[in-house]
Protein backbone atom coordinates (compact mmCIF):
# COMPACT_ATOMS: atom_id res chain seq x y z
CA UNK A 1 0.02 -0.01 0.05
CA UNK A 2 1.52 3.34 -1.09
CA UNK A 3 1.36 5.97 1.49
CA UNK A 4 -0.19 9.38 0.44
CA UNK A 5 1.77 12.48 0.83
CA UNK A 6 0.01 15.36 2.81
CA UNK A 7 -0.45 18.56 0.85
CA UNK A 8 -0.99 22.11 2.30
CA UNK A 9 1.04 24.42 4.48
CA UNK A 10 2.99 23.45 7.73
CA UNK A 11 2.52 25.35 10.74
CA UNK A 12 5.92 27.07 10.24
CA UNK A 13 4.90 28.13 6.89
CA UNK A 14 1.54 29.53 8.06
CA UNK A 15 3.29 31.50 10.89
CA UNK A 16 5.94 32.96 8.31
CA UNK A 17 3.00 33.87 6.01
CA UNK A 18 0.95 35.51 8.78
CA UNK A 19 4.12 37.44 10.12
CA UNK A 20 4.87 38.60 6.52
CA UNK A 21 1.20 39.85 6.10
CA UNK A 22 1.14 41.66 9.23
CA UNK A 23 4.53 43.31 8.58
CA UNK A 24 3.16 44.50 5.18
CA UNK A 25 0.05 45.74 6.70
CA UNK A 26 1.88 47.77 9.33
CA UNK A 27 4.28 49.27 6.81
CA UNK A 28 1.35 50.07 4.55
CA UNK A 29 -0.46 51.81 7.32
CA UNK A 30 2.56 53.81 8.54
CA UNK A 31 3.12 54.85 4.87
CA UNK A 32 -0.51 55.99 4.55
CA UNK A 33 -0.29 57.88 7.89
CA UNK A 34 2.86 59.68 6.69
CA UNK A 35 1.30 60.65 3.51
CA UNK A 36 -1.83 62.06 5.29
CA UNK A 37 0.41 63.85 7.76
CA UNK A 38 2.61 65.36 4.77
CA UNK A 39 -0.59 66.43 3.01
CA UNK A 40 -2.02 68.00 6.10
CA UNK A 41 1.38 69.91 6.80
CA UNK A 42 1.34 71.25 3.19
CA UNK A 43 -2.28 72.32 3.46
CA UNK A 44 -1.56 74.12 6.71
CA UNK A 45 1.56 75.74 5.19
CA UNK A 46 -0.65 76.94 2.27
CA UNK A 47 -3.24 78.22 4.54
CA UNK A 48 -0.67 80.25 6.79
CA UNK A 49 0.85 81.69 3.64
CA UNK A 50 -2.61 82.92 2.49
CA UNK A 51 -3.49 84.35 6.08
CA UNK A 52 0.02 86.10 6.25
CA UNK A 53 -0.26 87.68 2.85
CA UNK A 54 -3.96 88.74 3.42
CA UNK A 55 -3.02 90.41 6.74
CA UNK A 56 -0.01 92.09 5.45
CA UNK A 57 -2.07 93.72 2.53
CA UNK A 58 -4.90 94.45 4.89
CA UNK A 59 -2.38 96.22 7.10
CA UNK A 60 -0.87 98.11 4.29
CA UNK A 61 -4.01 99.43 3.02
CA UNK A 62 -5.21 100.77 6.41
CA UNK A 63 -1.76 102.13 7.41
CA UNK A 64 -1.12 104.10 4.18
CA UNK A 65 -4.06 106.35 5.04
CA UNK A 66 -2.59 107.48 8.34
CA UNK A 67 -2.07 111.12 8.87
CA UNK A 68 -4.10 112.47 5.86
CA UNK A 69 -5.72 115.68 6.96
CA UNK A 70 -5.26 115.08 10.54
CA UNK A 71 -3.56 118.36 11.29
CA UNK A 72 -2.02 118.16 14.78
CA UNK A 73 -3.51 114.69 15.47
CA UNK A 74 -0.88 111.98 15.35
CA UNK A 75 -0.94 109.80 12.25
CA UNK A 76 -0.31 106.59 14.37
CA UNK A 77 0.02 105.85 17.93
CA UNK A 78 -0.27 102.63 20.20
CA UNK A 79 -2.40 101.52 23.01
CA UNK A 80 -0.38 98.67 24.51
CA UNK A 81 0.03 96.26 21.66
CA UNK A 82 -2.79 97.87 19.49
CA UNK A 83 -2.17 100.18 16.51
CA UNK A 84 -4.32 103.33 16.28
CA UNK A 85 -4.47 104.94 12.86
CA UNK A 86 -6.02 108.40 12.29
CA UNK A 87 -6.98 109.99 8.96
CA UNK A 88 -9.77 112.11 7.31
CA UNK A 89 -12.90 110.22 6.01
CA UNK A 90 -12.82 112.33 2.71
CA UNK A 91 -9.53 113.36 1.07
CA UNK A 92 -9.53 116.01 -1.69
CA UNK A 93 -7.24 114.05 -4.01
CA UNK A 94 -8.61 110.53 -3.15
CA UNK A 95 -12.23 111.13 -2.55
CA UNK A 96 -14.28 108.93 -0.46
CA UNK A 97 -12.31 106.67 1.97
CA UNK A 98 -13.37 103.68 4.00
CA UNK A 99 -12.45 102.66 7.46
CA UNK A 100 -10.69 99.37 8.58
CA UNK A 101 -14.16 97.73 8.47
CA UNK A 102 -14.67 98.61 4.86
CA UNK A 103 -17.64 100.90 5.80
CA UNK A 104 -18.17 104.42 4.50
CA UNK A 105 -18.05 107.08 7.15
CA UNK A 106 -19.43 110.63 7.24
CA UNK A 107 -17.48 112.22 10.16
CA UNK A 108 -14.29 113.95 9.34
CA UNK A 109 -11.68 112.20 11.43
CA UNK A 110 -11.53 108.45 11.43
CA UNK A 111 -9.84 106.53 14.32
CA UNK A 112 -9.10 102.84 13.59
CA UNK A 113 -7.75 100.53 16.15
CA UNK A 114 -6.27 97.20 15.06
CA UNK A 115 -5.56 94.59 17.57
CA UNK A 116 -5.04 90.77 17.98
CA UNK A 117 -7.19 89.21 20.66
CA UNK A 118 -8.49 85.83 21.80
CA UNK A 119 -11.82 84.94 20.74
CA UNK A 120 -14.46 82.50 22.33
CA UNK A 121 -13.72 79.43 20.26
CA UNK A 122 -10.14 79.61 21.11
CA UNK A 123 -6.92 80.99 19.42
CA UNK A 124 -6.53 84.61 18.31
CA UNK A 125 -7.90 86.72 15.74
CA UNK A 126 -7.25 90.19 14.14
CA UNK A 127 -9.83 92.62 15.18
CA UNK A 128 -10.66 96.17 13.88
CA UNK A 129 -12.44 98.83 15.91
CA UNK A 130 -13.67 102.06 14.27
CA UNK A 131 -15.80 104.35 16.36
CA UNK A 132 -18.56 102.19 17.88
CA UNK A 133 -18.17 99.37 15.33
CA UNK A 134 -16.08 96.33 16.03
CA UNK A 135 -15.45 93.33 13.79
CA UNK A 136 -13.17 90.19 13.56
CA UNK A 137 -11.04 90.27 10.39
CA UNK A 138 -9.46 86.84 10.26
CA UNK A 139 -8.30 84.04 12.46
CA UNK A 140 -4.99 82.35 12.63
CA UNK A 141 -3.00 85.31 13.74
CA UNK A 142 -0.81 84.81 16.87
CA UNK A 143 0.74 88.22 17.15
CA UNK A 144 1.40 91.53 15.34
CA UNK A 145 4.46 93.60 16.26
CA UNK A 146 5.55 97.01 15.09
CA UNK A 147 8.63 99.12 14.85
CA UNK A 148 8.34 102.68 13.86
CA UNK A 149 10.96 104.36 11.57
CA UNK A 150 11.51 107.79 13.02
CA UNK A 151 12.99 110.96 11.40
CA UNK A 152 14.60 112.96 14.27
CA UNK A 153 16.23 115.46 12.00
CA UNK A 154 19.16 116.09 9.79
CA UNK A 155 22.85 117.10 10.01
CA UNK A 156 24.18 120.25 8.37
CA UNK A 157 27.92 120.16 8.52
CA UNK A 158 28.75 119.62 12.25
CA UNK A 159 25.40 121.08 13.59
CA UNK A 160 22.31 118.76 14.32
CA UNK A 161 19.07 120.60 13.53
CA UNK A 162 16.38 118.68 15.32
CA UNK A 163 13.70 120.71 13.71
CA UNK A 164 14.81 120.01 10.22
CA UNK A 165 13.25 116.85 9.09
CA UNK A 166 14.55 115.21 5.92
CA UNK A 167 12.19 112.23 5.55
CA UNK A 168 15.03 109.63 6.11
CA UNK A 169 14.67 107.26 8.98
CA UNK A 170 17.35 107.80 11.67
CA UNK A 171 16.32 104.83 13.87
CA UNK A 172 13.67 102.34 14.54
CA UNK A 173 11.79 102.22 17.86
CA UNK A 174 9.39 99.75 19.26
CA UNK A 175 5.68 100.43 19.94
CA UNK A 176 6.25 101.04 23.51
CA UNK A 177 9.15 103.52 22.83
CA UNK A 178 7.30 105.49 20.23
CA UNK A 179 6.14 108.98 21.40
CA UNK A 180 3.92 110.67 18.74
CA UNK A 181 4.31 114.05 20.19
CA UNK A 182 8.15 114.04 20.11
CA UNK A 183 8.90 111.72 17.10
CA UNK A 184 8.15 112.03 13.39
CA UNK A 185 7.19 108.61 12.01
CA UNK A 186 7.99 107.96 8.25
CA UNK A 187 7.50 104.33 8.04
CA UNK A 188 6.14 101.38 10.10
CA UNK A 189 7.54 97.88 9.99
CA UNK A 190 4.89 95.28 10.47
CA UNK A 191 5.71 91.76 11.61
CA UNK A 192 2.71 89.29 11.55
CA UNK A 193 2.96 85.81 13.12
CA UNK A 194 0.49 83.47 11.58
CA UNK A 195 -0.31 80.39 13.63
CA UNK A 196 -2.18 77.25 12.45
CA UNK A 197 -2.67 73.95 14.22
CA UNK A 198 -1.82 70.85 12.12
CA UNK A 199 -4.75 68.91 13.70
CA UNK A 200 -7.39 68.93 11.07
CA UNK A 201 -10.47 68.95 13.32
CA UNK A 202 -11.20 72.57 14.32
CA UNK A 203 -14.03 71.51 16.66
CA UNK A 204 -11.82 69.71 19.16
CA UNK A 205 -11.66 71.38 22.41
CA UNK A 206 -7.81 71.46 22.48
CA UNK A 207 -7.53 72.51 18.63
CA UNK A 208 -5.59 75.80 19.49
CA UNK A 209 -3.50 74.45 22.26
CA UNK A 210 0.23 74.02 21.85
CA UNK A 211 1.00 70.70 23.49
CA UNK A 212 4.20 70.34 21.34
CA UNK A 213 6.01 72.22 18.65
CA UNK A 214 4.90 69.72 16.18
CA UNK A 215 1.35 70.30 16.70
CA UNK A 216 1.24 73.64 15.09
CA UNK A 217 2.82 75.80 12.31
CA UNK A 218 4.07 79.20 13.12
CA UNK A 219 5.46 81.66 10.37
CA UNK A 220 6.41 85.35 10.30
CA UNK A 221 5.52 87.85 7.57
CA UNK A 222 7.09 91.22 7.38
CA UNK A 223 6.29 94.41 5.43
CA UNK A 224 7.39 98.06 5.65
CA UNK A 225 4.77 100.65 5.06
CA UNK A 226 5.81 104.23 4.20
CA UNK A 227 3.83 106.82 5.83
CA UNK A 228 3.38 109.61 3.11
CA UNK A 229 1.00 111.60 5.27
CA UNK A 230 2.87 111.23 8.63
């Protein structure tokens, strides 16, 4: 009687096949997660760039009006970390001017206040106040800082004439150091810090919290705005 050979896999072969299958599954899962993480990081980077460029342009548009037709009123000043911009609502050469909220205004002197504040959903947001009207402009802003380019006077030979302004910045001062009564501003350097969590779910309670540096993306954007009316 001829013995029949047993067909199929042995126990060792089954264990090796299972181990190989699990290893491939783990590798595929890790690869998929890394692709998702990279895609999310790229998306956050694009969003941060968009926010940064938008805020820089928004600040430029509103700062460039500073000092137009204000007479003895300072073109710019600061209240803590907030920037205050003053200008006329109607300018002879420009015509109708809108405030930082985009609204038409009828009174002559406009006082816009731009600030970065926390809001109820967490995180911080750029806020504009003009008169009695207040509105949030955009989220994703962690900080805005300023340096004022100041024209202190000019040199004629060896004599310094403090009352002779030449329009050339002599120094940069911080917002806390700037005195609008004693200093003549000619430009304003604005540094915007855009902040965006990499977590994709904005409805999580800890969405805006910085538990580790890898959980968020922070980028700085800088512009120099000339104050032609200052």
